[in-house]
């Protein structure tokens, strides 16, 4: 259950973001975001074309199937299927994925036994800048709009200094709001479902499968994930700051 002050904070931040979108578009009405043909919320080109988002997630060498993945069609007379409970393996790596409306820009893997901190995160941001230069020509000149959550390595002074040095615009993100973070609500769920039921002998095998899955996602998958931010912002405001389910 969200506290009232947290809800208010979420609404205030999102109202400012929507107002920014309207101002960039030259719209006079800033009370509600416009809806285009087919009911799709219209993303602002200046903001969303330059937006890069990212987050971290744990991936295990052995990931059990989800209930959805293990469901099977049965006839009423079909025998009962025995299912063995499988636990996630202790062996895991942390994957950091940065992406935009065109696809993945950088996948960074933290080796087993290491933890992410501000220094490590800053080195990843350095690699992200070089990846942007290679994969998104002109974006550094136009100006990167960067979104991440408020995890400690992201909000640390060292990280803030790193981002200020690059001159990137940091998109405000309400604290404790995975429902407003594209990696959480759009990318990591399908990834975990894909890995469900898989077991890997080595860390390299897991990383190879992870890269292969990301590389084979259609560009529309990423476009939808970025553009859905607008509708989620509006829904959160309409819900007076409550979490957005879908």
C-alpha atoms as a PDB file:
ATOM      1  CA  UNK A   1       0.000   0.000   0.000  1.00  0.00           C
ATOM      2  CA  UNK A   2       1.422   3.371  -1.009  1.00  0.00           C
ATOM      3  CA  UNK A   3       1.549   6.145   1.559  1.00  0.00           C
ATOM      4  CA  UNK A   4      -0.354   9.304   0.699  1.00  0.00           C
ATOM      5  CA  UNK A   5       2.789  11.463   0.553  1.00  0.00           C
ATOM      6  CA  UNK A   6       4.384   8.956  -1.850  1.00  0.00           C
ATOM      7  CA  UNK A   7       1.300   9.066  -4.060  1.00  0.00           C
ATOM      8  CA  UNK A   8       1.390  12.847  -4.053  1.00  0.00           C
ATOM      9  CA  UNK A   9       5.065  12.828  -5.000  1.00  0.00           C
ATOM     10  CA  UNK A  10       4.381  10.476  -7.905  1.00  0.00           C
ATOM     11  CA  UNK A  11       1.544  12.642  -9.218  1.00  0.00           C
ATOM     12  CA  UNK A  12       3.551  15.867  -8.941  1.00  0.00           C
ATOM     13  CA  UNK A  13       6.538  14.435 -10.817  1.00  0.00           C
ATOM     14  CA  UNK A  14       4.389  12.938 -13.558  1.00  0.00           C
ATOM     15  CA  UNK A  15       2.373  16.112 -14.014  1.00  0.00           C
ATOM     16  CA  UNK A  16       5.614  18.006 -14.607  1.00  0.00           C
ATOM     17  CA  UNK A  17       6.728  15.409 -17.137  1.00  0.00           C
ATOM     18  CA  UNK A  18       3.460  15.587 -19.058  1.00  0.00           C
ATOM     19  CA  UNK A  19       3.590  19.369 -18.999  1.00  0.00           C
ATOM     20  CA  UNK A  20       7.106  19.167 -20.444  1.00  0.00           C
ATOM     21  CA  UNK A  21       5.806  16.962 -23.276  1.00  0.00           C
ATOM     22  CA  UNK A  22       2.996  19.407 -24.059  1.00  0.00           C
ATOM     23  CA  UNK A  23       5.298  22.415 -24.003  1.00  0.00           C
ATOM     24  CA  UNK A  24       7.733  20.724 -26.371  1.00  0.00           C
ATOM     25  CA  UNK A  25       4.824  20.015 -28.699  1.00  0.00           C
ATOM     26  CA  UNK A  26       3.486  23.565 -28.410  1.00  0.00           C
ATOM     27  CA  UNK A  27       0.190  22.384 -26.901  1.00  0.00           C
ATOM     28  CA  UNK A  28      -1.845  24.813 -24.832  1.00  0.00           C
ATOM     29  CA  UNK A  29      -3.838  22.189 -22.941  1.00  0.00           C
ATOM     30  CA  UNK A  30      -1.585  20.574 -20.336  1.00  0.00           C
ATOM     31  CA  UNK A  31      -4.303  18.871 -18.315  1.00  0.00           C
ATOM     32  CA  UNK A  32      -4.374  15.611 -20.248  1.00  0.00           C
ATOM     33  CA  UNK A  33      -2.057  13.987 -22.761  1.00  0.00           C
ATOM     34  CA  UNK A  34      -3.429  13.624 -26.293  1.00  0.00           C
ATOM     35  CA  UNK A  35      -4.523  10.319 -27.767  1.00  0.00           C
ATOM     36  CA  UNK A  36      -3.853   9.536 -31.387  1.00  0.00           C
ATOM     37  CA  UNK A  37      -5.450   7.213 -33.969  1.00  0.00           C
ATOM     38  CA  UNK A  38      -6.178   3.750 -32.642  1.00  0.00           C
ATOM     39  CA  UNK A  39      -6.074   4.949 -29.035  1.00  0.00           C
ATOM     40  CA  UNK A  40      -2.273   5.131 -28.913  1.00  0.00           C
ATOM     41  CA  UNK A  41      -0.740   7.810 -26.731  1.00  0.00           C
ATOM     42  CA  UNK A  42       1.448  10.096 -28.783  1.00  0.00           C
ATOM     43  CA  UNK A  43       5.091  10.225 -27.746  1.00  0.00           C
ATOM     44  CA  UNK A  44       6.902  13.528 -27.991  1.00  0.00           C
ATOM     45  CA  UNK A  45       9.727  13.243 -30.503  1.00  0.00           C
ATOM     46  CA  UNK A  46      12.188  15.496 -28.655  1.00  0.00           C
ATOM     47  CA  UNK A  47      11.815  13.544 -25.425  1.00  0.00           C
ATOM     48  CA  UNK A  48      11.192   9.958 -26.461  1.00  0.00           C
ATOM     49  CA  UNK A  49      13.419   9.831 -29.539  1.00  0.00           C
ATOM     50  CA  UNK A  50      16.353  10.723 -27.311  1.00  0.00           C
ATOM     51  CA  UNK A  51      15.333   8.645 -24.293  1.00  0.00           C
ATOM     52  CA  UNK A  52      17.590   5.850 -23.040  1.00  0.00           C
ATOM     53  CA  UNK A  53      16.432   3.745 -20.112  1.00  0.00           C
ATOM     54  CA  UNK A  54      18.151   1.001 -18.146  1.00  0.00           C
ATOM     55  CA  UNK A  55      18.125  -1.150 -15.055  1.00  0.00           C
ATOM     56  CA  UNK A  56      19.655  -4.241 -13.482  1.00  0.00           C
ATOM     57  CA  UNK A  57      18.223  -7.693 -12.901  1.00  0.00           C
ATOM     58  CA  UNK A  58      19.494 -11.023 -11.607  1.00  0.00           C
ATOM     59  CA  UNK A  59      19.530 -13.938 -14.036  1.00  0.00           C
ATOM     60  CA  UNK A  60      20.118 -17.479 -12.755  1.00  0.00           C
ATOM     61  CA  UNK A  61      21.927 -20.384 -14.374  1.00  0.00           C
ATOM     62  CA  UNK A  62      18.900 -22.491 -13.487  1.00  0.00           C
ATOM     63  CA  UNK A  63      15.500 -20.794 -13.663  1.00  0.00           C
ATOM     64  CA  UNK A  64      12.361 -22.847 -12.902  1.00  0.00           C
ATOM     65  CA  UNK A  65       9.345 -22.579 -15.167  1.00  0.00           C
ATOM     66  CA  UNK A  66       6.680 -20.097 -14.197  1.00  0.00           C
ATOM     67  CA  UNK A  67       3.147 -21.422 -13.678  1.00  0.00           C
ATOM     68  CA  UNK A  68       2.193 -19.843 -16.999  1.00  0.00           C
ATOM     69  CA  UNK A  69       5.037 -21.563 -18.858  1.00  0.00           C
ATOM     70  CA  UNK A  70       4.218 -24.970 -17.408  1.00  0.00           C
ATOM     71  CA  UNK A  71       0.491 -24.892 -18.216  1.00  0.00           C
ATOM     72  CA  UNK A  72      -0.708 -27.583 -20.622  1.00  0.00           C
ATOM     73  CA  UNK A  73      -3.989 -28.272 -22.437  1.00  0.00           C
ATOM     74  CA  UNK A  74      -5.823 -31.246 -20.975  1.00  0.00           C
ATOM     75  CA  UNK A  75      -8.922 -33.297 -21.595  1.00  0.00           C
ATOM     76  CA  UNK A  76     -11.080 -34.033 -18.520  1.00  0.00           C
ATOM     77  CA  UNK A  77      -9.970 -37.676 -18.725  1.00  0.00           C
ATOM     78  CA  UNK A  78      -6.258 -36.830 -19.051  1.00  0.00           C
ATOM     79  CA  UNK A  79      -3.992 -38.274 -16.328  1.00  0.00           C
ATOM     80  CA  UNK A  80      -2.635 -35.945 -13.698  1.00  0.00           C
ATOM     81  CA  UNK A  81       0.742 -34.537 -14.687  1.00  0.00           C
ATOM     82  CA  UNK A  82       3.429 -34.819 -12.050  1.00  0.00           C
ATOM     83  CA  UNK A  83       5.496 -31.698 -11.658  1.00  0.00           C
ATOM     84  CA  UNK A  84       8.737 -31.527  -9.741  1.00  0.00           C
ATOM     85  CA  UNK A  85       9.466 -28.404  -7.804  1.00  0.00           C
ATOM     86  CA  UNK A  86      12.666 -26.797  -9.023  1.00  0.00           C
ATOM     87  CA  UNK A  87      14.413 -24.048  -7.113  1.00  0.00           C
ATOM     88  CA  UNK A  88      16.384 -21.232  -8.658  1.00  0.00           C
ATOM     89  CA  UNK A  89      20.077 -21.984  -8.609  1.00  0.00           C
ATOM     90  CA  UNK A  90      22.283 -19.982  -6.287  1.00  0.00           C
ATOM     91  CA  UNK A  91      24.606 -19.276  -9.217  1.00  0.00           C
ATOM     92  CA  UNK A  92      23.528 -16.045 -10.859  1.00  0.00           C
ATOM     93  CA  UNK A  93      24.841 -12.952 -12.585  1.00  0.00           C
ATOM     94  CA  UNK A  94      23.554  -9.413 -12.619  1.00  0.00           C
ATOM     95  CA  UNK A  95      22.650  -8.096 -16.062  1.00  0.00           C
ATOM     96  CA  UNK A  96      22.364  -4.362 -16.718  1.00  0.00           C
ATOM     97  CA  UNK A  97      20.496  -3.498 -19.912  1.00  0.00           C
ATOM     98  CA  UNK A  98      20.322  -0.043 -21.490  1.00  0.00           C
ATOM     99  CA  UNK A  99      17.903   0.409 -24.371  1.00  0.00           C
ATOM    100  CA  UNK A 100      15.805   2.878 -26.316  1.00  0.00           C
ATOM    101  CA  UNK A 101      12.954   2.819 -28.816  1.00  0.00           C
ATOM    102  CA  UNK A 102      15.241   1.232 -31.443  1.00  0.00           C
ATOM    103  CA  UNK A 103      16.673  -1.619 -29.373  1.00  0.00           C
ATOM    104  CA  UNK A 104      19.406  -2.589 -26.927  1.00  0.00           C
ATOM    105  CA  UNK A 105      22.362  -0.226 -26.742  1.00  0.00           C
ATOM    106  CA  UNK A 106      24.424  -1.968 -24.061  1.00  0.00           C
ATOM    107  CA  UNK A 107      24.275  -5.216 -22.107  1.00  0.00           C
ATOM    108  CA  UNK A 108      26.652  -5.233 -19.161  1.00  0.00           C
ATOM    109  CA  UNK A 109      27.233  -8.354 -17.063  1.00  0.00           C
ATOM    110  CA  UNK A 110      28.514  -8.206 -13.508  1.00  0.00           C
ATOM    111  CA  UNK A 111      30.573 -11.347 -12.802  1.00  0.00           C
ATOM    112  CA  UNK A 112      29.504 -13.718 -10.049  1.00  0.00           C
ATOM    113  CA  UNK A 113      30.653 -12.679  -6.616  1.00  0.00           C
ATOM    114  CA  UNK A 114      30.702  -8.963  -7.415  1.00  0.00           C
ATOM    115  CA  UNK A 115      28.155  -6.385  -6.313  1.00  0.00           C
ATOM    116  CA  UNK A 116      27.182  -3.205  -8.062  1.00  0.00           C
ATOM    117  CA  UNK A 117      28.211   0.095  -6.485  1.00  0.00           C
ATOM    118  CA  UNK A 118      28.555   3.662  -7.670  1.00  0.00           C
ATOM    119  CA  UNK A 119      32.077   3.177  -9.038  1.00  0.00           C
ATOM    120  CA  UNK A 120      31.056   0.100 -11.019  1.00  0.00           C
ATOM    121  CA  UNK A 121      27.912   1.801 -12.272  1.00  0.00           C
ATOM    122  CA  UNK A 122      29.896   4.825 -13.442  1.00  0.00           C
ATOM    123  CA  UNK A 123      32.247   2.580 -15.423  1.00  0.00           C
ATOM    124  CA  UNK A 124      29.159   1.045 -17.047  1.00  0.00           C
ATOM    125  CA  UNK A 125      27.888   4.520 -17.947  1.00  0.00           C
ATOM    126  CA  UNK A 126      31.272   5.226 -19.547  1.00  0.00           C
ATOM    127  CA  UNK A 127      30.823   2.130 -21.715  1.00  0.00           C
ATOM    128  CA  UNK A 128      27.254   3.194 -22.452  1.00  0.00           C
ATOM    129  CA  UNK A 129      28.478   6.518 -23.829  1.00  0.00           C
ATOM    130  CA  UNK A 130      30.818   4.739 -26.238  1.00  0.00           C
ATOM    131  CA  UNK A 131      28.023   2.349 -27.254  1.00  0.00           C
ATOM    132  CA  UNK A 132      25.756   5.335 -27.973  1.00  0.00           C
ATOM    133  CA  UNK A 133      28.458   6.873 -30.130  1.00  0.00           C
ATOM    134  CA  UNK A 134      28.711   3.653 -32.183  1.00  0.00           C
ATOM    135  CA  UNK A 135      25.058   2.628 -32.382  1.00  0.00           C
ATOM    136  CA  UNK A 136      23.162   5.942 -32.289  1.00  0.00           C
ATOM    137  CA  UNK A 137      25.156   8.443 -34.366  1.00  0.00           C
ATOM    138  CA  UNK A 138      24.137  12.002 -33.592  1.00  0.00           C
ATOM    139  CA  UNK A 139      22.343  11.247 -30.336  1.00  0.00           C
ATOM    140  CA  UNK A 140      25.157  12.580 -28.160  1.00  0.00           C
ATOM    141  CA  UNK A 141      25.049  15.812 -30.167  1.00  0.00           C
ATOM    142  CA  UNK A 142      21.249  16.106 -29.945  1.00  0.00           C
ATOM    143  CA  UNK A 143      21.290  15.372 -26.231  1.00  0.00           C
ATOM    144  CA  UNK A 144      20.627  12.161 -24.324  1.00  0.00           C
ATOM    145  CA  UNK A 145      17.568  11.953 -22.074  1.00  0.00           C
ATOM    146  CA  UNK A 146      18.468   9.330 -19.471  1.00  0.00           C
ATOM    147  CA  UNK A 147      16.091   7.395 -17.244  1.00  0.00           C
ATOM    148  CA  UNK A 148      16.957   5.074 -14.372  1.00  0.00           C
ATOM    149  CA  UNK A 149      15.447   4.444 -10.965  1.00  0.00           C
ATOM    150  CA  UNK A 150      16.616   5.712  -7.590  1.00  0.00           C
ATOM    151  CA  UNK A 151      18.636   2.677  -6.483  1.00  0.00           C
ATOM    152  CA  UNK A 152      21.615   3.619  -4.310  1.00  0.00           C
ATOM    153  CA  UNK A 153      24.290   3.191  -7.035  1.00  0.00           C
ATOM    154  CA  UNK A 154      22.170   5.351  -9.366  1.00  0.00           C
ATOM    155  CA  UNK A 155      21.565   8.189  -6.909  1.00  0.00           C
ATOM    156  CA  UNK A 156      25.059   8.278  -5.374  1.00  0.00           C
ATOM    157  CA  UNK A 157      27.041  11.527  -5.602  1.00  0.00           C
ATOM    158  CA  UNK A 158      29.710   9.841  -7.722  1.00  0.00           C
ATOM    159  CA  UNK A 159      27.092   8.764 -10.261  1.00  0.00           C
ATOM    160  CA  UNK A 160      25.529  12.221 -10.331  1.00  0.00           C
ATOM    161  CA  UNK A 161      28.933  13.768 -11.019  1.00  0.00           C
ATOM    162  CA  UNK A 162      29.515  11.299 -13.850  1.00  0.00           C
ATOM    163  CA  UNK A 163      26.189  12.121 -15.488  1.00  0.00           C
ATOM    164  CA  UNK A 164      26.710  15.863 -15.049  1.00  0.00           C
ATOM    165  CA  UNK A 165      30.073  15.554 -16.789  1.00  0.00           C
ATOM    166  CA  UNK A 166      28.345  14.090 -19.832  1.00  0.00           C
ATOM    167  CA  UNK A 167      25.617  16.717 -19.771  1.00  0.00           C
ATOM    168  CA  UNK A 168      22.761  14.233 -20.114  1.00  0.00           C
ATOM    169  CA  UNK A 169      19.264  15.243 -19.083  1.00  0.00           C
ATOM    170  CA  UNK A 170      18.060  12.988 -16.258  1.00  0.00           C
ATOM    171  CA  UNK A 171      14.380  12.167 -16.494  1.00  0.00           C
ATOM    172  CA  UNK A 172      12.761  12.503 -13.041  1.00  0.00           C
ATOM    173  CA  UNK A 173      11.632   9.158 -11.640  1.00  0.00           C
ATOM    174  CA  UNK A 174       9.495   8.781  -8.502  1.00  0.00           C
ATOM    175  CA  UNK A 175      11.070   6.661  -5.781  1.00  0.00           C
ATOM    176  CA  UNK A 176       9.945   3.027  -5.470  1.00  0.00           C
ATOM    177  CA  UNK A 177       8.081   3.079  -8.798  1.00  0.00           C
ATOM    178  CA  UNK A 178       8.892  -0.062 -10.829  1.00  0.00           C
ATOM    179  CA  UNK A 179       5.506   0.365 -12.518  1.00  0.00           C
ATOM    180  CA  UNK A 180       6.940   3.465 -14.201  1.00  0.00           C
ATOM    181  CA  UNK A 181      10.308   1.950 -15.191  1.00  0.00           C
ATOM    182  CA  UNK A 182      10.207   0.402 -18.707  1.00  0.00           C
ATOM    183  CA  UNK A 183      12.756  -2.304 -17.907  1.00  0.00           C
ATOM    184  CA  UNK A 184      10.655  -3.503 -14.981  1.00  0.00           C
ATOM    185  CA  UNK A 185       7.198  -3.349 -16.538  1.00  0.00           C
ATOM    186  CA  UNK A 186       8.118  -4.249 -20.141  1.00  0.00           C
ATOM    187  CA  UNK A 187      11.503  -5.989 -20.571  1.00  0.00           C
ATOM    188  CA  UNK A 188      12.449  -8.120 -17.587  1.00  0.00           C
ATOM    189  CA  UNK A 189       9.147  -9.996 -17.303  1.00  0.00           C
ATOM    190  CA  UNK A 190       9.359 -11.482 -20.824  1.00  0.00           C
ATOM    191  CA  UNK A 191      13.044 -12.199 -20.248  1.00  0.00           C
ATOM    192  CA  UNK A 192      12.371 -14.213 -17.086  1.00  0.00           C
ATOM    193  CA  UNK A 193       9.561 -16.115 -18.826  1.00  0.00           C
ATOM    194  CA  UNK A 194      11.897 -16.930 -21.706  1.00  0.00           C
ATOM    195  CA  UNK A 195      14.554 -18.275 -19.347  1.00  0.00           C
ATOM    196  CA  UNK A 196      11.984 -20.282 -17.369  1.00  0.00           C
ATOM    197  CA  UNK A 197      12.798 -23.992 -17.424  1.00  0.00           C
ATOM    198  CA  UNK A 198      16.301 -23.435 -18.806  1.00  0.00           C
ATOM    199  CA  UNK A 199      19.475 -24.634 -17.123  1.00  0.00           C
ATOM    200  CA  UNK A 200      22.966 -23.599 -18.165  1.00  0.00           C
ATOM    201  CA  UNK A 201      26.253 -25.319 -17.428  1.00  0.00           C
ATOM    202  CA  UNK A 202      28.328 -22.149 -17.428  1.00  0.00           C
ATOM    203  CA  UNK A 203      27.948 -18.421 -17.001  1.00  0.00           C
ATOM    204  CA  UNK A 204      29.056 -17.952 -20.623  1.00  0.00           C
ATOM    205  CA  UNK A 205      26.199 -20.158 -21.836  1.00  0.00           C
ATOM    206  CA  UNK A 206      23.686 -18.067 -19.896  1.00  0.00           C
ATOM    207  CA  UNK A 207      25.109 -14.797 -21.206  1.00  0.00           C
ATOM    208  CA  UNK A 208      25.066 -16.134 -24.775  1.00  0.00           C
ATOM    209  CA  UNK A 209      21.367 -17.021 -24.471  1.00  0.00           C
ATOM    210  CA  UNK A 210      20.613 -13.633 -22.943  1.00  0.00           C
ATOM    211  CA  UNK A 211      22.353 -11.799 -25.795  1.00  0.00           C
ATOM    212  CA  UNK A 212      20.640 -13.960 -28.386  1.00  0.00           C
ATOM    213  CA  UNK A 213      17.188 -13.285 -26.913  1.00  0.00           C
ATOM    214  CA  UNK A 214      17.761  -9.533 -26.783  1.00  0.00           C
ATOM    215  CA  UNK A 215      19.185  -9.437 -30.325  1.00  0.00           C
ATOM    216  CA  UNK A 216      16.143 -11.229 -31.732  1.00  0.00           C
ATOM    217  CA  UNK A 217      13.499  -8.949 -30.234  1.00  0.00           C
ATOM    218  CA  UNK A 218      11.590  -6.985 -32.861  1.00  0.00           C
ATOM    219  CA  UNK A 219      12.191  -3.240 -32.890  1.00  0.00           C
ATOM    220  CA  UNK A 220       8.456  -2.706 -32.280  1.00  0.00           C
ATOM    221  CA  UNK A 221       8.887  -4.365 -28.884  1.00  0.00           C
ATOM    222  CA  UNK A 222      11.218  -1.585 -27.783  1.00  0.00           C
ATOM    223  CA  UNK A 223       9.183   1.187 -29.384  1.00  0.00           C
ATOM    224  CA  UNK A 224       6.040   0.063 -27.569  1.00  0.00           C
ATOM    225  CA  UNK A 225       7.919  -0.130 -24.266  1.00  0.00           C
ATOM    226  CA  UNK A 226       9.207   3.437 -24.513  1.00  0.00           C
ATOM    227  CA  UNK A 227       5.988   4.950 -25.847  1.00  0.00           C
ATOM    228  CA  UNK A 228       3.907   3.242 -23.153  1.00  0.00           C
ATOM    229  CA  UNK A 229       5.492   5.561 -20.598  1.00  0.00           C
ATOM    230  CA  UNK A 230       3.054   8.291 -21.559  1.00  0.00           C
ATOM    231  CA  UNK A 231      -0.029   6.191 -20.961  1.00  0.00           C
ATOM    232  CA  UNK A 232       1.386   4.926 -17.653  1.00  0.00           C
ATOM    233  CA  UNK A 233       2.119   8.445 -16.480  1.00  0.00           C
ATOM    234  CA  UNK A 234      -1.438   9.490 -17.280  1.00  0.00           C
ATOM    235  CA  UNK A 235      -2.949   6.379 -15.672  1.00  0.00           C
ATOM    236  CA  UNK A 236      -0.939   6.951 -12.504  1.00  0.00           C
ATOM    237  CA  UNK A 237      -2.224  10.529 -12.326  1.00  0.00           C
ATOM    238  CA  UNK A 238      -5.791   9.365 -12.964  1.00  0.00           C
ATOM    239  CA  UNK A 239      -5.345   6.829 -10.130  1.00  0.00           C
ATOM    240  CA  UNK A 240      -4.187   9.645  -7.811  1.00  0.00           C
ATOM    241  CA  UNK A 241      -0.727   8.119  -7.512  1.00  0.00           C
ATOM    242  CA  UNK A 242      -1.631   4.447  -7.037  1.00  0.00           C
ATOM    243  CA  UNK A 243       0.389   1.763  -8.806  1.00  0.00           C
ATOM    244  CA  UNK A 244      -0.363   1.102 -12.470  1.00  0.00           C
ATOM    245  CA  UNK A 245      -1.147  -2.563 -13.049  1.00  0.00           C
ATOM    246  CA  UNK A 246      -1.020  -2.569 -16.868  1.00  0.00           C
END
